[in-house]
Amino acid sequence: MGTAAAAVRACRYCGATLRVEDAPGATRDEEHTVLKVRVGPSNAARVTGVLEREGGFPRESAEAMVCKERFEIEPREERASQLATALKDAGAEVQRVTVIVKVAIPPDVSVWLDALGSRKAAVIAALRTQVDLGIKEAKELVESAPCRLVERLTAQKGDALARALADAGGRARVEPVE
């Protein structure tokens, strides 16, 4: 059981409570283009105009960026080349850099307990090893089968929970979240 924050959820059928640990979710790497811009005082007005017209920034934001002399912007990929060229034409030094950004993958499955089976204690123990629950909450939840045990999990965590419950004698299923 972790030290991460936990959320309390209720089964929409029976009202049993479930404490779901808010662990960091799965991520994937994405490439993003960043323009590193340096502006001299003599080019500030032209670069501000380009940021407004080509970059879509409000005038106040564009002026604030240009006042810093060096700044970074992350344009949409399809606009990066055009914006970089326009900034260079306005007198700014522009360096185009590709960075790797971790993007969260939204949880996508729910785990349902369809049947308890004959080994109730083993199913409760299996649930408690996978989800941060007290004995009382786990027992109430398991005894209320069929019910949704957990929603909004990654597919990998959902499969692991369903497999643990099945190994303990319960009948569980994983369904995509709608």
C-alpha atoms as a PDB file:
ATOM      1  CA  MET A   1       0.000   0.000   0.000  1.00  0.00           C
ATOM      2  CA  GLY A   2       1.475   3.281  -1.058  1.00  0.00           C
ATOM      3  CA  THR A   3       1.934   6.710   0.335  1.00  0.00           C
ATOM      4  CA  ALA A   4       0.254   8.411  -2.611  1.00  0.00           C
ATOM      5  CA  ALA A   5      -3.007  10.292  -2.199  1.00  0.00           C
ATOM      6  CA  ALA A   6      -6.121   8.184  -2.399  1.00  0.00           C
ATOM      7  CA  ALA A   7      -9.628   8.905  -3.616  1.00  0.00           C
ATOM      8  CA  VAL A   8     -12.727   7.320  -2.141  1.00  0.00           C
ATOM      9  CA  ARG A   9     -15.201   5.984  -4.676  1.00  0.00           C
ATOM     10  CA  ALA A  10     -18.563   4.345  -4.229  1.00  0.00           C
ATOM     11  CA  CYS A  11     -20.026   1.426  -6.156  1.00  0.00           C
ATOM     12  CA  ARG A  12     -22.937   2.852  -8.109  1.00  0.00           C
ATOM     13  CA  TYR A  13     -24.972  -0.313  -7.546  1.00  0.00           C
ATOM     14  CA  CYS A  14     -24.504  -1.127  -3.877  1.00  0.00           C
ATOM     15  CA  GLY A  15     -22.857   1.993  -2.432  1.00  0.00           C
ATOM     16  CA  ALA A  16     -19.807   0.166  -1.048  1.00  0.00           C
ATOM     17  CA  THR A  17     -16.780   2.419  -0.669  1.00  0.00           C
ATOM     18  CA  LEU A  18     -13.461   1.880  -2.398  1.00  0.00           C
ATOM     19  CA  ARG A  19     -10.237   3.752  -1.771  1.00  0.00           C
ATOM     20  CA  VAL A  20      -8.313   4.107  -5.008  1.00  0.00           C
ATOM     21  CA  GLU A  21      -4.669   5.073  -4.838  1.00  0.00           C
ATOM     22  CA  ASP A  22      -3.748   8.006  -7.038  1.00  0.00           C
ATOM     23  CA  ALA A  23      -0.483   6.571  -8.311  1.00  0.00           C
ATOM     24  CA  PRO A  24       1.259   8.172 -11.266  1.00  0.00           C
ATOM     25  CA  GLY A  25      -0.236   6.807 -14.461  1.00  0.00           C
ATOM     26  CA  ALA A  26       1.412   5.491 -17.563  1.00  0.00           C
ATOM     27  CA  THR A  27       3.132   7.926 -19.884  1.00  0.00           C
ATOM     28  CA  ARG A  28       4.374   7.987 -23.428  1.00  0.00           C
ATOM     29  CA  ASP A  29       7.125  10.052 -25.006  1.00  0.00           C
ATOM     30  CA  GLU A  30       6.189  12.715 -27.545  1.00  0.00           C
ATOM     31  CA  GLU A  31       8.463  14.925 -29.597  1.00  0.00           C
ATOM     32  CA  HIS A  32       7.720  18.643 -29.351  1.00  0.00           C
ATOM     33  CA  THR A  33       9.386  21.463 -31.274  1.00  0.00           C
ATOM     34  CA  VAL A  34      10.624  24.389 -29.211  1.00  0.00           C
ATOM     35  CA  LEU A  35      11.888  27.635 -30.683  1.00  0.00           C
ATOM     36  CA  LYS A  36      14.592  29.311 -28.605  1.00  0.00           C
ATOM     37  CA  VAL A  37      14.488  32.986 -29.514  1.00  0.00           C
ATOM     38  CA  ARG A  38      16.889  35.833 -28.775  1.00  0.00           C
ATOM     39  CA  VAL A  39      15.856  39.390 -29.565  1.00  0.00           C
ATOM     40  CA  GLY A  40      17.942  42.562 -29.542  1.00  0.00           C
ATOM     41  CA  PRO A  41      16.391  45.903 -28.524  1.00  0.00           C
ATOM     42  CA  SER A  42      16.447  47.226 -32.083  1.00  0.00           C
ATOM     43  CA  ASN A  43      14.302  44.323 -33.340  1.00  0.00           C
ATOM     44  CA  ALA A  44      11.842  44.155 -30.440  1.00  0.00           C
ATOM     45  CA  ALA A  45       8.949  45.913 -32.186  1.00  0.00           C
ATOM     46  CA  ARG A  46       9.214  43.795 -35.354  1.00  0.00           C
ATOM     47  CA  VAL A  47       9.462  40.545 -33.396  1.00  0.00           C
ATOM     48  CA  THR A  48       6.476  41.546 -31.239  1.00  0.00           C
ATOM     49  CA  GLY A  49       4.442  42.083 -34.414  1.00  0.00           C
ATOM     50  CA  VAL A  50       5.456  38.660 -35.778  1.00  0.00           C
ATOM     51  CA  LEU A  51       4.503  36.949 -32.512  1.00  0.00           C
ATOM     52  CA  GLU A  52       1.090  38.610 -32.724  1.00  0.00           C
ATOM     53  CA  ARG A  53       0.408  37.910 -36.412  1.00  0.00           C
ATOM     54  CA  GLU A  54       2.134  34.582 -36.985  1.00  0.00           C
ATOM     55  CA  GLY A  55       2.221  33.144 -33.473  1.00  0.00           C
ATOM     56  CA  GLY A  56      -1.276  34.168 -32.395  1.00  0.00           C
ATOM     57  CA  PHE A  57      -0.075  35.691 -29.109  1.00  0.00           C
ATOM     58  CA  PRO A  58      -1.922  38.654 -27.541  1.00  0.00           C
ATOM     59  CA  ARG A  59       0.078  41.890 -27.761  1.00  0.00           C
ATOM     60  CA  GLU A  60       0.758  42.002 -23.991  1.00  0.00           C
ATOM     61  CA  SER A  61       2.134  38.441 -23.986  1.00  0.00           C
ATOM     62  CA  ALA A  62       4.284  39.093 -27.054  1.00  0.00           C
ATOM     63  CA  GLU A  63       5.726  42.266 -25.496  1.00  0.00           C
ATOM     64  CA  ALA A  64       6.438  40.441 -22.225  1.00  0.00           C
ATOM     65  CA  MET A  65       8.317  37.688 -24.077  1.00  0.00           C
ATOM     66  CA  VAL A  66      10.375  40.131 -26.139  1.00  0.00           C
ATOM     67  CA  CYS A  67      11.315  42.142 -23.024  1.00  0.00           C
ATOM     68  CA  LYS A  68      13.094  39.064 -21.633  1.00  0.00           C
ATOM     69  CA  GLU A  69      15.547  39.163 -24.560  1.00  0.00           C
ATOM     70  CA  ARG A  70      15.708  35.312 -24.564  1.00  0.00           C
ATOM     71  CA  PHE A  71      12.593  33.160 -24.475  1.00  0.00           C
ATOM     72  CA  GLU A  72      11.199  29.848 -25.654  1.00  0.00           C
ATOM     73  CA  ILE A  73       7.931  29.116 -27.411  1.00  0.00           C
ATOM     74  CA  GLU A  74       6.352  25.826 -28.368  1.00  0.00           C
ATOM     75  CA  PRO A  75       4.339  26.333 -31.558  1.00  0.00           C
ATOM     76  CA  ARG A  76       2.177  23.679 -33.177  1.00  0.00           C
ATOM     77  CA  GLU A  77       4.385  21.419 -35.265  1.00  0.00           C
ATOM     78  CA  GLU A  78       2.865  22.480 -38.582  1.00  0.00           C
ATOM     79  CA  ARG A  79       3.510  26.183 -37.787  1.00  0.00           C
ATOM     80  CA  ALA A  80       7.040  25.878 -36.322  1.00  0.00           C
ATOM     81  CA  SER A  81       8.964  26.344 -39.589  1.00  0.00           C
ATOM     82  CA  GLN A  82       6.836  29.264 -40.748  1.00  0.00           C
ATOM     83  CA  LEU A  83       7.090  31.025 -37.380  1.00  0.00           C
ATOM     84  CA  ALA A  84      10.859  30.426 -37.162  1.00  0.00           C
ATOM     85  CA  THR A  85      11.363  31.930 -40.629  1.00  0.00           C
ATOM     86  CA  ALA A  86       9.185  34.958 -39.832  1.00  0.00           C
ATOM     87  CA  LEU A  87      11.064  35.575 -36.571  1.00  0.00           C
ATOM     88  CA  LYS A  88      14.424  35.357 -38.382  1.00  0.00           C
ATOM     89  CA  ASP A  89      13.151  37.798 -41.026  1.00  0.00           C
ATOM     90  CA  ALA A  90      12.212  40.199 -38.194  1.00  0.00           C
ATOM     91  CA  GLY A  91      15.801  40.115 -36.917  1.00  0.00           C
ATOM     92  CA  ALA A  92      15.608  37.542 -34.098  1.00  0.00           C
ATOM     93  CA  GLU A  93      18.068  34.708 -33.606  1.00  0.00           C
ATOM     94  CA  VAL A  94      16.058  31.472 -33.659  1.00  0.00           C
ATOM     95  CA  GLN A  95      17.177  27.988 -32.742  1.00  0.00           C
ATOM     96  CA  ARG A  96      14.781  25.122 -33.426  1.00  0.00           C
ATOM     97  CA  VAL A  97      15.078  22.307 -30.858  1.00  0.00           C
ATOM     98  CA  THR A  98      13.204  19.012 -30.558  1.00  0.00           C
ATOM     99  CA  VAL A  99      12.486  17.958 -26.981  1.00  0.00           C
ATOM    100  CA  ILE A 100      11.002  14.732 -25.637  1.00  0.00           C
ATOM    101  CA  VAL A 101       8.018  15.337 -23.360  1.00  0.00           C
ATOM    102  CA  LYS A 102       6.325  12.724 -21.162  1.00  0.00           C
ATOM    103  CA  VAL A 103       2.573  12.826 -21.775  1.00  0.00           C
ATOM    104  CA  ALA A 104       0.135  11.040 -19.468  1.00  0.00           C
ATOM    105  CA  ILE A 105      -1.902   8.239 -21.005  1.00  0.00           C
ATOM    106  CA  PRO A 106      -5.429   8.455 -19.632  1.00  0.00           C
ATOM    107  CA  PRO A 107      -6.698   5.448 -17.683  1.00  0.00           C
ATOM    108  CA  ASP A 108      -8.946   3.381 -19.861  1.00  0.00           C
ATOM    109  CA  VAL A 109     -10.446   0.351 -18.096  1.00  0.00           C
ATOM    110  CA  SER A 110     -12.711  -0.670 -15.216  1.00  0.00           C
ATOM    111  CA  VAL A 111     -12.466  -3.930 -13.280  1.00  0.00           C
ATOM    112  CA  TRP A 112     -15.653  -5.775 -12.374  1.00  0.00           C
ATOM    113  CA  LEU A 113     -16.055  -8.658  -9.936  1.00  0.00           C
ATOM    114  CA  ASP A 114     -18.777 -10.857 -11.406  1.00  0.00           C
ATOM    115  CA  ALA A 115     -18.725 -13.702  -8.877  1.00  0.00           C
ATOM    116  CA  LEU A 116     -17.060 -14.253  -5.539  1.00  0.00           C
ATOM    117  CA  GLY A 117     -16.356 -17.962  -5.776  1.00  0.00           C
ATOM    118  CA  SER A 118     -15.859 -20.274  -2.817  1.00  0.00           C
ATOM    119  CA  ARG A 119     -12.634 -18.682  -1.521  1.00  0.00           C
ATOM    120  CA  LYS A 120     -13.921 -15.351  -0.200  1.00  0.00           C
ATOM    121  CA  ALA A 121     -10.914 -14.714   2.069  1.00  0.00           C
ATOM    122  CA  ALA A 122      -8.480 -15.262  -0.817  1.00  0.00           C
ATOM    123  CA  VAL A 123     -10.403 -12.872  -3.079  1.00  0.00           C
ATOM    124  CA  ILE A 124     -10.426 -10.204  -0.339  1.00  0.00           C
ATOM    125  CA  ALA A 125      -6.686 -10.663   0.182  1.00  0.00           C
ATOM    126  CA  ALA A 126      -6.029 -10.446  -3.568  1.00  0.00           C
ATOM    127  CA  LEU A 127      -8.048  -7.221  -3.804  1.00  0.00           C
ATOM    128  CA  ARG A 128      -6.172  -5.717  -0.865  1.00  0.00           C
ATOM    129  CA  THR A 129      -2.779  -6.511  -2.401  1.00  0.00           C
ATOM    130  CA  GLN A 130      -3.695  -4.648  -5.596  1.00  0.00           C
ATOM    131  CA  VAL A 131      -5.767  -1.761  -4.172  1.00  0.00           C
ATOM    132  CA  ASP A 132      -5.204   0.210  -0.966  1.00  0.00           C
ATOM    133  CA  LEU A 133      -8.249  -0.912   1.060  1.00  0.00           C
ATOM    134  CA  GLY A 134      -8.934  -1.797   4.650  1.00  0.00           C
ATOM    135  CA  ILE A 135     -10.281  -5.249   5.517  1.00  0.00           C
ATOM    136  CA  LYS A 136     -13.803  -3.989   6.166  1.00  0.00           C
ATOM    137  CA  GLU A 137     -14.031  -2.035   2.878  1.00  0.00           C
ATOM    138  CA  ALA A 138     -12.587  -4.912   0.857  1.00  0.00           C
ATOM    139  CA  LYS A 139     -14.966  -7.418   2.489  1.00  0.00           C
ATOM    140  CA  GLU A 140     -18.024  -5.212   1.857  1.00  0.00           C
ATOM    141  CA  LEU A 141     -16.992  -4.638  -1.728  1.00  0.00           C
ATOM    142  CA  VAL A 142     -16.303  -8.316  -2.466  1.00  0.00           C
ATOM    143  CA  GLU A 143     -19.556  -9.438  -0.829  1.00  0.00           C
ATOM    144  CA  SER A 144     -21.510  -7.016  -3.021  1.00  0.00           C
ATOM    145  CA  ALA A 145     -20.505  -8.868  -6.229  1.00  0.00           C
ATOM    146  CA  PRO A 146     -21.382  -8.414  -9.003  1.00  0.00           C
ATOM    147  CA  CYS A 147     -20.020  -4.870  -8.876  1.00  0.00           C
ATOM    148  CA  ARG A 148     -17.408  -2.558 -10.332  1.00  0.00           C
ATOM    149  CA  LEU A 149     -14.339  -2.736  -8.115  1.00  0.00           C
ATOM    150  CA  VAL A 150     -12.194  -0.041  -9.688  1.00  0.00           C
ATOM    151  CA  GLU A 151     -12.642   2.350 -12.575  1.00  0.00           C
ATOM    152  CA  ARG A 152     -10.160   4.456 -14.514  1.00  0.00           C
ATOM    153  CA  LEU A 153      -7.115   2.174 -14.467  1.00  0.00           C
ATOM    154  CA  THR A 154      -4.537   1.627 -17.156  1.00  0.00           C
ATOM    155  CA  ALA A 155      -5.101  -1.578 -19.101  1.00  0.00           C
ATOM    156  CA  GLN A 156      -1.963  -3.122 -17.600  1.00  0.00           C
ATOM    157  CA  LYS A 157      -3.051  -2.473 -13.986  1.00  0.00           C
ATOM    158  CA  GLY A 158      -6.612  -3.583 -14.741  1.00  0.00           C
ATOM    159  CA  ASP A 159      -5.402  -6.879 -16.219  1.00  0.00           C
ATOM    160  CA  ALA A 160      -3.134  -7.465 -13.209  1.00  0.00           C
ATOM    161  CA  LEU A 161      -6.023  -6.916 -10.791  1.00  0.00           C
ATOM    162  CA  ALA A 162      -8.393  -9.177 -12.734  1.00  0.00           C
ATOM    163  CA  ARG A 163      -5.715 -11.892 -12.959  1.00  0.00           C
ATOM    164  CA  ALA A 164      -5.051 -11.707  -9.180  1.00  0.00           C
ATOM    165  CA  LEU A 165      -8.770 -11.990  -8.434  1.00  0.00           C
ATOM    166  CA  ALA A 166      -9.149 -14.934 -10.827  1.00  0.00           C
ATOM    167  CA  ASP A 167      -6.138 -16.695  -9.270  1.00  0.00           C
ATOM    168  CA  ALA A 168      -7.805 -16.260  -5.870  1.00  0.00           C
ATOM    169  CA  GLY A 169     -11.014 -17.942  -7.083  1.00  0.00           C
ATOM    170  CA  GLY A 170     -13.163 -14.983  -8.066  1.00  0.00           C
ATOM    171  CA  ARG A 171     -14.513 -14.254 -11.534  1.00  0.00           C
ATOM    172  CA  ALA A 172     -13.439 -10.788 -12.707  1.00  0.00           C
ATOM    173  CA  ARG A 173     -13.513  -8.952 -16.000  1.00  0.00           C
ATOM    174  CA  VAL A 174     -11.883  -5.864 -17.452  1.00  0.00           C
ATOM    175  CA  GLU A 175     -13.986  -3.478 -19.534  1.00  0.00           C
ATOM    176  CA  PRO A 176     -13.046  -0.307 -21.393  1.00  0.00           C
ATOM    177  CA  VAL A 177     -14.234   2.944 -19.838  1.00  0.00           C
ATOM    178  CA  GLU A 178     -16.858   4.702 -21.925  1.00  0.00           C
END
